[in-house]
């Protein structure tokens, strides 16, 4: 399961927390941990984007909406 973590708003915290997309790891059908999947929406304290929503497309890619820049990112897996 993937979760969009929006990050802190400009007025809610002294130190900003960047947004990220995390993957929830399951073991025996129960959540067992969380790991970063997509990061990088902040650089030098400057917010570059804020992930807001996720959907899996018919092509198997993960689409991430960004309510800061208005972008939609597509994450897909290539062949090895």
C-alpha atoms as a PDB file:
ATOM      1  CA  UNK A   1       0.000   0.000   0.000  1.00  0.00           C
ATOM      2  CA  UNK A   2       1.220   3.516  -0.792  1.00  0.00           C
ATOM      3  CA  UNK A   3       0.441   6.645   1.248  1.00  0.00           C
ATOM      4  CA  UNK A   4       0.915  10.311   0.282  1.00  0.00           C
ATOM      5  CA  UNK A   5       2.288  12.292   3.212  1.00  0.00           C
ATOM      6  CA  UNK A   6       1.594  15.916   2.380  1.00  0.00           C
ATOM      7  CA  UNK A   7       4.231  17.527   4.607  1.00  0.00           C
ATOM      8  CA  UNK A   8       3.785  20.492   6.904  1.00  0.00           C
ATOM      9  CA  UNK A   9       2.106  23.715   5.860  1.00  0.00           C
ATOM     10  CA  UNK A  10       4.134  26.950   5.832  1.00  0.00           C
ATOM     11  CA  UNK A  11       2.498  28.210   9.026  1.00  0.00           C
ATOM     12  CA  UNK A  12       2.092  25.019  11.043  1.00  0.00           C
ATOM     13  CA  UNK A  13       5.711  24.420  12.068  1.00  0.00           C
ATOM     14  CA  UNK A  14       8.907  26.340  12.633  1.00  0.00           C
ATOM     15  CA  UNK A  15      10.889  23.633  10.844  1.00  0.00           C
ATOM     16  CA  UNK A  16       9.226  22.364   7.652  1.00  0.00           C
ATOM     17  CA  UNK A  17       8.622  18.649   7.151  1.00  0.00           C
ATOM     18  CA  UNK A  18       8.840  17.633   3.480  1.00  0.00           C
ATOM     19  CA  UNK A  19       6.139  15.648   1.742  1.00  0.00           C
ATOM     20  CA  UNK A  20       6.823  12.113   0.600  1.00  0.00           C
ATOM     21  CA  UNK A  21       5.191   8.984  -0.697  1.00  0.00           C
ATOM     22  CA  UNK A  22       5.682   6.008   1.595  1.00  0.00           C
ATOM     23  CA  UNK A  23       5.148   2.298   1.120  1.00  0.00           C
ATOM     24  CA  UNK A  24       3.478   0.385   3.933  1.00  0.00           C
ATOM     25  CA  UNK A  25       5.123  -3.032   4.317  1.00  0.00           C
ATOM     26  CA  UNK A  26       2.868  -5.892   5.383  1.00  0.00           C
ATOM     27  CA  UNK A  27       3.752  -9.134   7.130  1.00  0.00           C
ATOM     28  CA  UNK A  28       1.156 -11.868   7.615  1.00  0.00           C
ATOM     29  CA  UNK A  29      -1.540  -9.475   6.392  1.00  0.00           C
ATOM     30  CA  UNK A  30      -0.744  -6.786   8.975  1.00  0.00           C
ATOM     31  CA  UNK A  31       1.190  -3.505   8.649  1.00  0.00           C
ATOM     32  CA  UNK A  32       4.778  -4.132   9.746  1.00  0.00           C
ATOM     33  CA  UNK A  33       6.591  -0.957   8.742  1.00  0.00           C
ATOM     34  CA  UNK A  34       6.826   2.092   6.529  1.00  0.00           C
ATOM     35  CA  UNK A  35       9.587   2.961   4.063  1.00  0.00           C
ATOM     36  CA  UNK A  36      10.184   5.940   1.799  1.00  0.00           C
ATOM     37  CA  UNK A  37       9.179   5.344  -1.812  1.00  0.00           C
ATOM     38  CA  UNK A  38       9.358   8.833  -3.407  1.00  0.00           C
ATOM     39  CA  UNK A  39      11.039  11.834  -1.766  1.00  0.00           C
ATOM     40  CA  UNK A  40      12.683  15.056  -2.885  1.00  0.00           C
ATOM     41  CA  UNK A  41       9.953  17.680  -2.650  1.00  0.00           C
ATOM     42  CA  UNK A  42      12.111  20.010  -0.541  1.00  0.00           C
ATOM     43  CA  UNK A  43      15.571  21.438  -1.134  1.00  0.00           C
ATOM     44  CA  UNK A  44      17.375  23.891   1.162  1.00  0.00           C
ATOM     45  CA  UNK A  45      14.113  24.550   3.035  1.00  0.00           C
ATOM     46  CA  UNK A  46      12.289  25.423  -0.215  1.00  0.00           C
ATOM     47  CA  UNK A  47       9.134  23.390  -0.924  1.00  0.00           C
ATOM     48  CA  UNK A  48       9.254  22.031  -4.482  1.00  0.00           C
ATOM     49  CA  UNK A  49       5.962  20.141  -4.296  1.00  0.00           C
ATOM     50  CA  UNK A  50       3.441  18.528  -1.973  1.00  0.00           C
ATOM     51  CA  UNK A  51       2.124  15.053  -2.791  1.00  0.00           C
ATOM     52  CA  UNK A  52      -1.624  14.967  -2.226  1.00  0.00           C
ATOM     53  CA  UNK A  53      -3.273  11.987  -3.884  1.00  0.00           C
ATOM     54  CA  UNK A  54      -2.368   8.622  -5.364  1.00  0.00           C
ATOM     55  CA  UNK A  55      -3.949   6.347  -7.917  1.00  0.00           C
ATOM     56  CA  UNK A  56      -2.764   3.294  -9.810  1.00  0.00           C
ATOM     57  CA  UNK A  57      -3.382   3.507 -13.540  1.00  0.00           C
ATOM     58  CA  UNK A  58      -4.502   0.749 -15.875  1.00  0.00           C
ATOM     59  CA  UNK A  59      -0.891   0.636 -17.090  1.00  0.00           C
ATOM     60  CA  UNK A  60       0.293  -0.334 -13.560  1.00  0.00           C
ATOM     61  CA  UNK A  61       2.020   3.012 -12.952  1.00  0.00           C
ATOM     62  CA  UNK A  62       1.516   4.994  -9.757  1.00  0.00           C
ATOM     63  CA  UNK A  63       0.217   8.537 -10.383  1.00  0.00           C
ATOM     64  CA  UNK A  64       0.924  11.189  -7.743  1.00  0.00           C
ATOM     65  CA  UNK A  65      -0.893  14.530  -7.700  1.00  0.00           C
ATOM     66  CA  UNK A  66       0.954  17.599  -6.425  1.00  0.00           C
ATOM     67  CA  UNK A  67      -1.245  20.356  -5.011  1.00  0.00           C
ATOM     68  CA  UNK A  68       1.661  22.813  -4.750  1.00  0.00           C
ATOM     69  CA  UNK A  69       2.785  22.943  -8.380  1.00  0.00           C
ATOM     70  CA  UNK A  70      -0.280  21.350  -9.989  1.00  0.00           C
ATOM     71  CA  UNK A  71       1.759  18.513 -11.496  1.00  0.00           C
ATOM     72  CA  UNK A  72       0.910  14.849 -11.838  1.00  0.00           C
ATOM     73  CA  UNK A  73       3.904  12.548 -11.552  1.00  0.00           C
ATOM     74  CA  UNK A  74       3.974   9.079 -13.106  1.00  0.00           C
ATOM     75  CA  UNK A  75       6.108   6.396 -11.435  1.00  0.00           C
ATOM     76  CA  UNK A  76       6.588   3.166 -13.352  1.00  0.00           C
ATOM     77  CA  UNK A  77       8.896   0.188 -13.273  1.00  0.00           C
ATOM     78  CA  UNK A  78      11.136  -0.484 -16.236  1.00  0.00           C
ATOM     79  CA  UNK A  79      12.394  -3.809 -17.467  1.00  0.00           C
ATOM     80  CA  UNK A  80      15.765  -5.012 -16.156  1.00  0.00           C
END
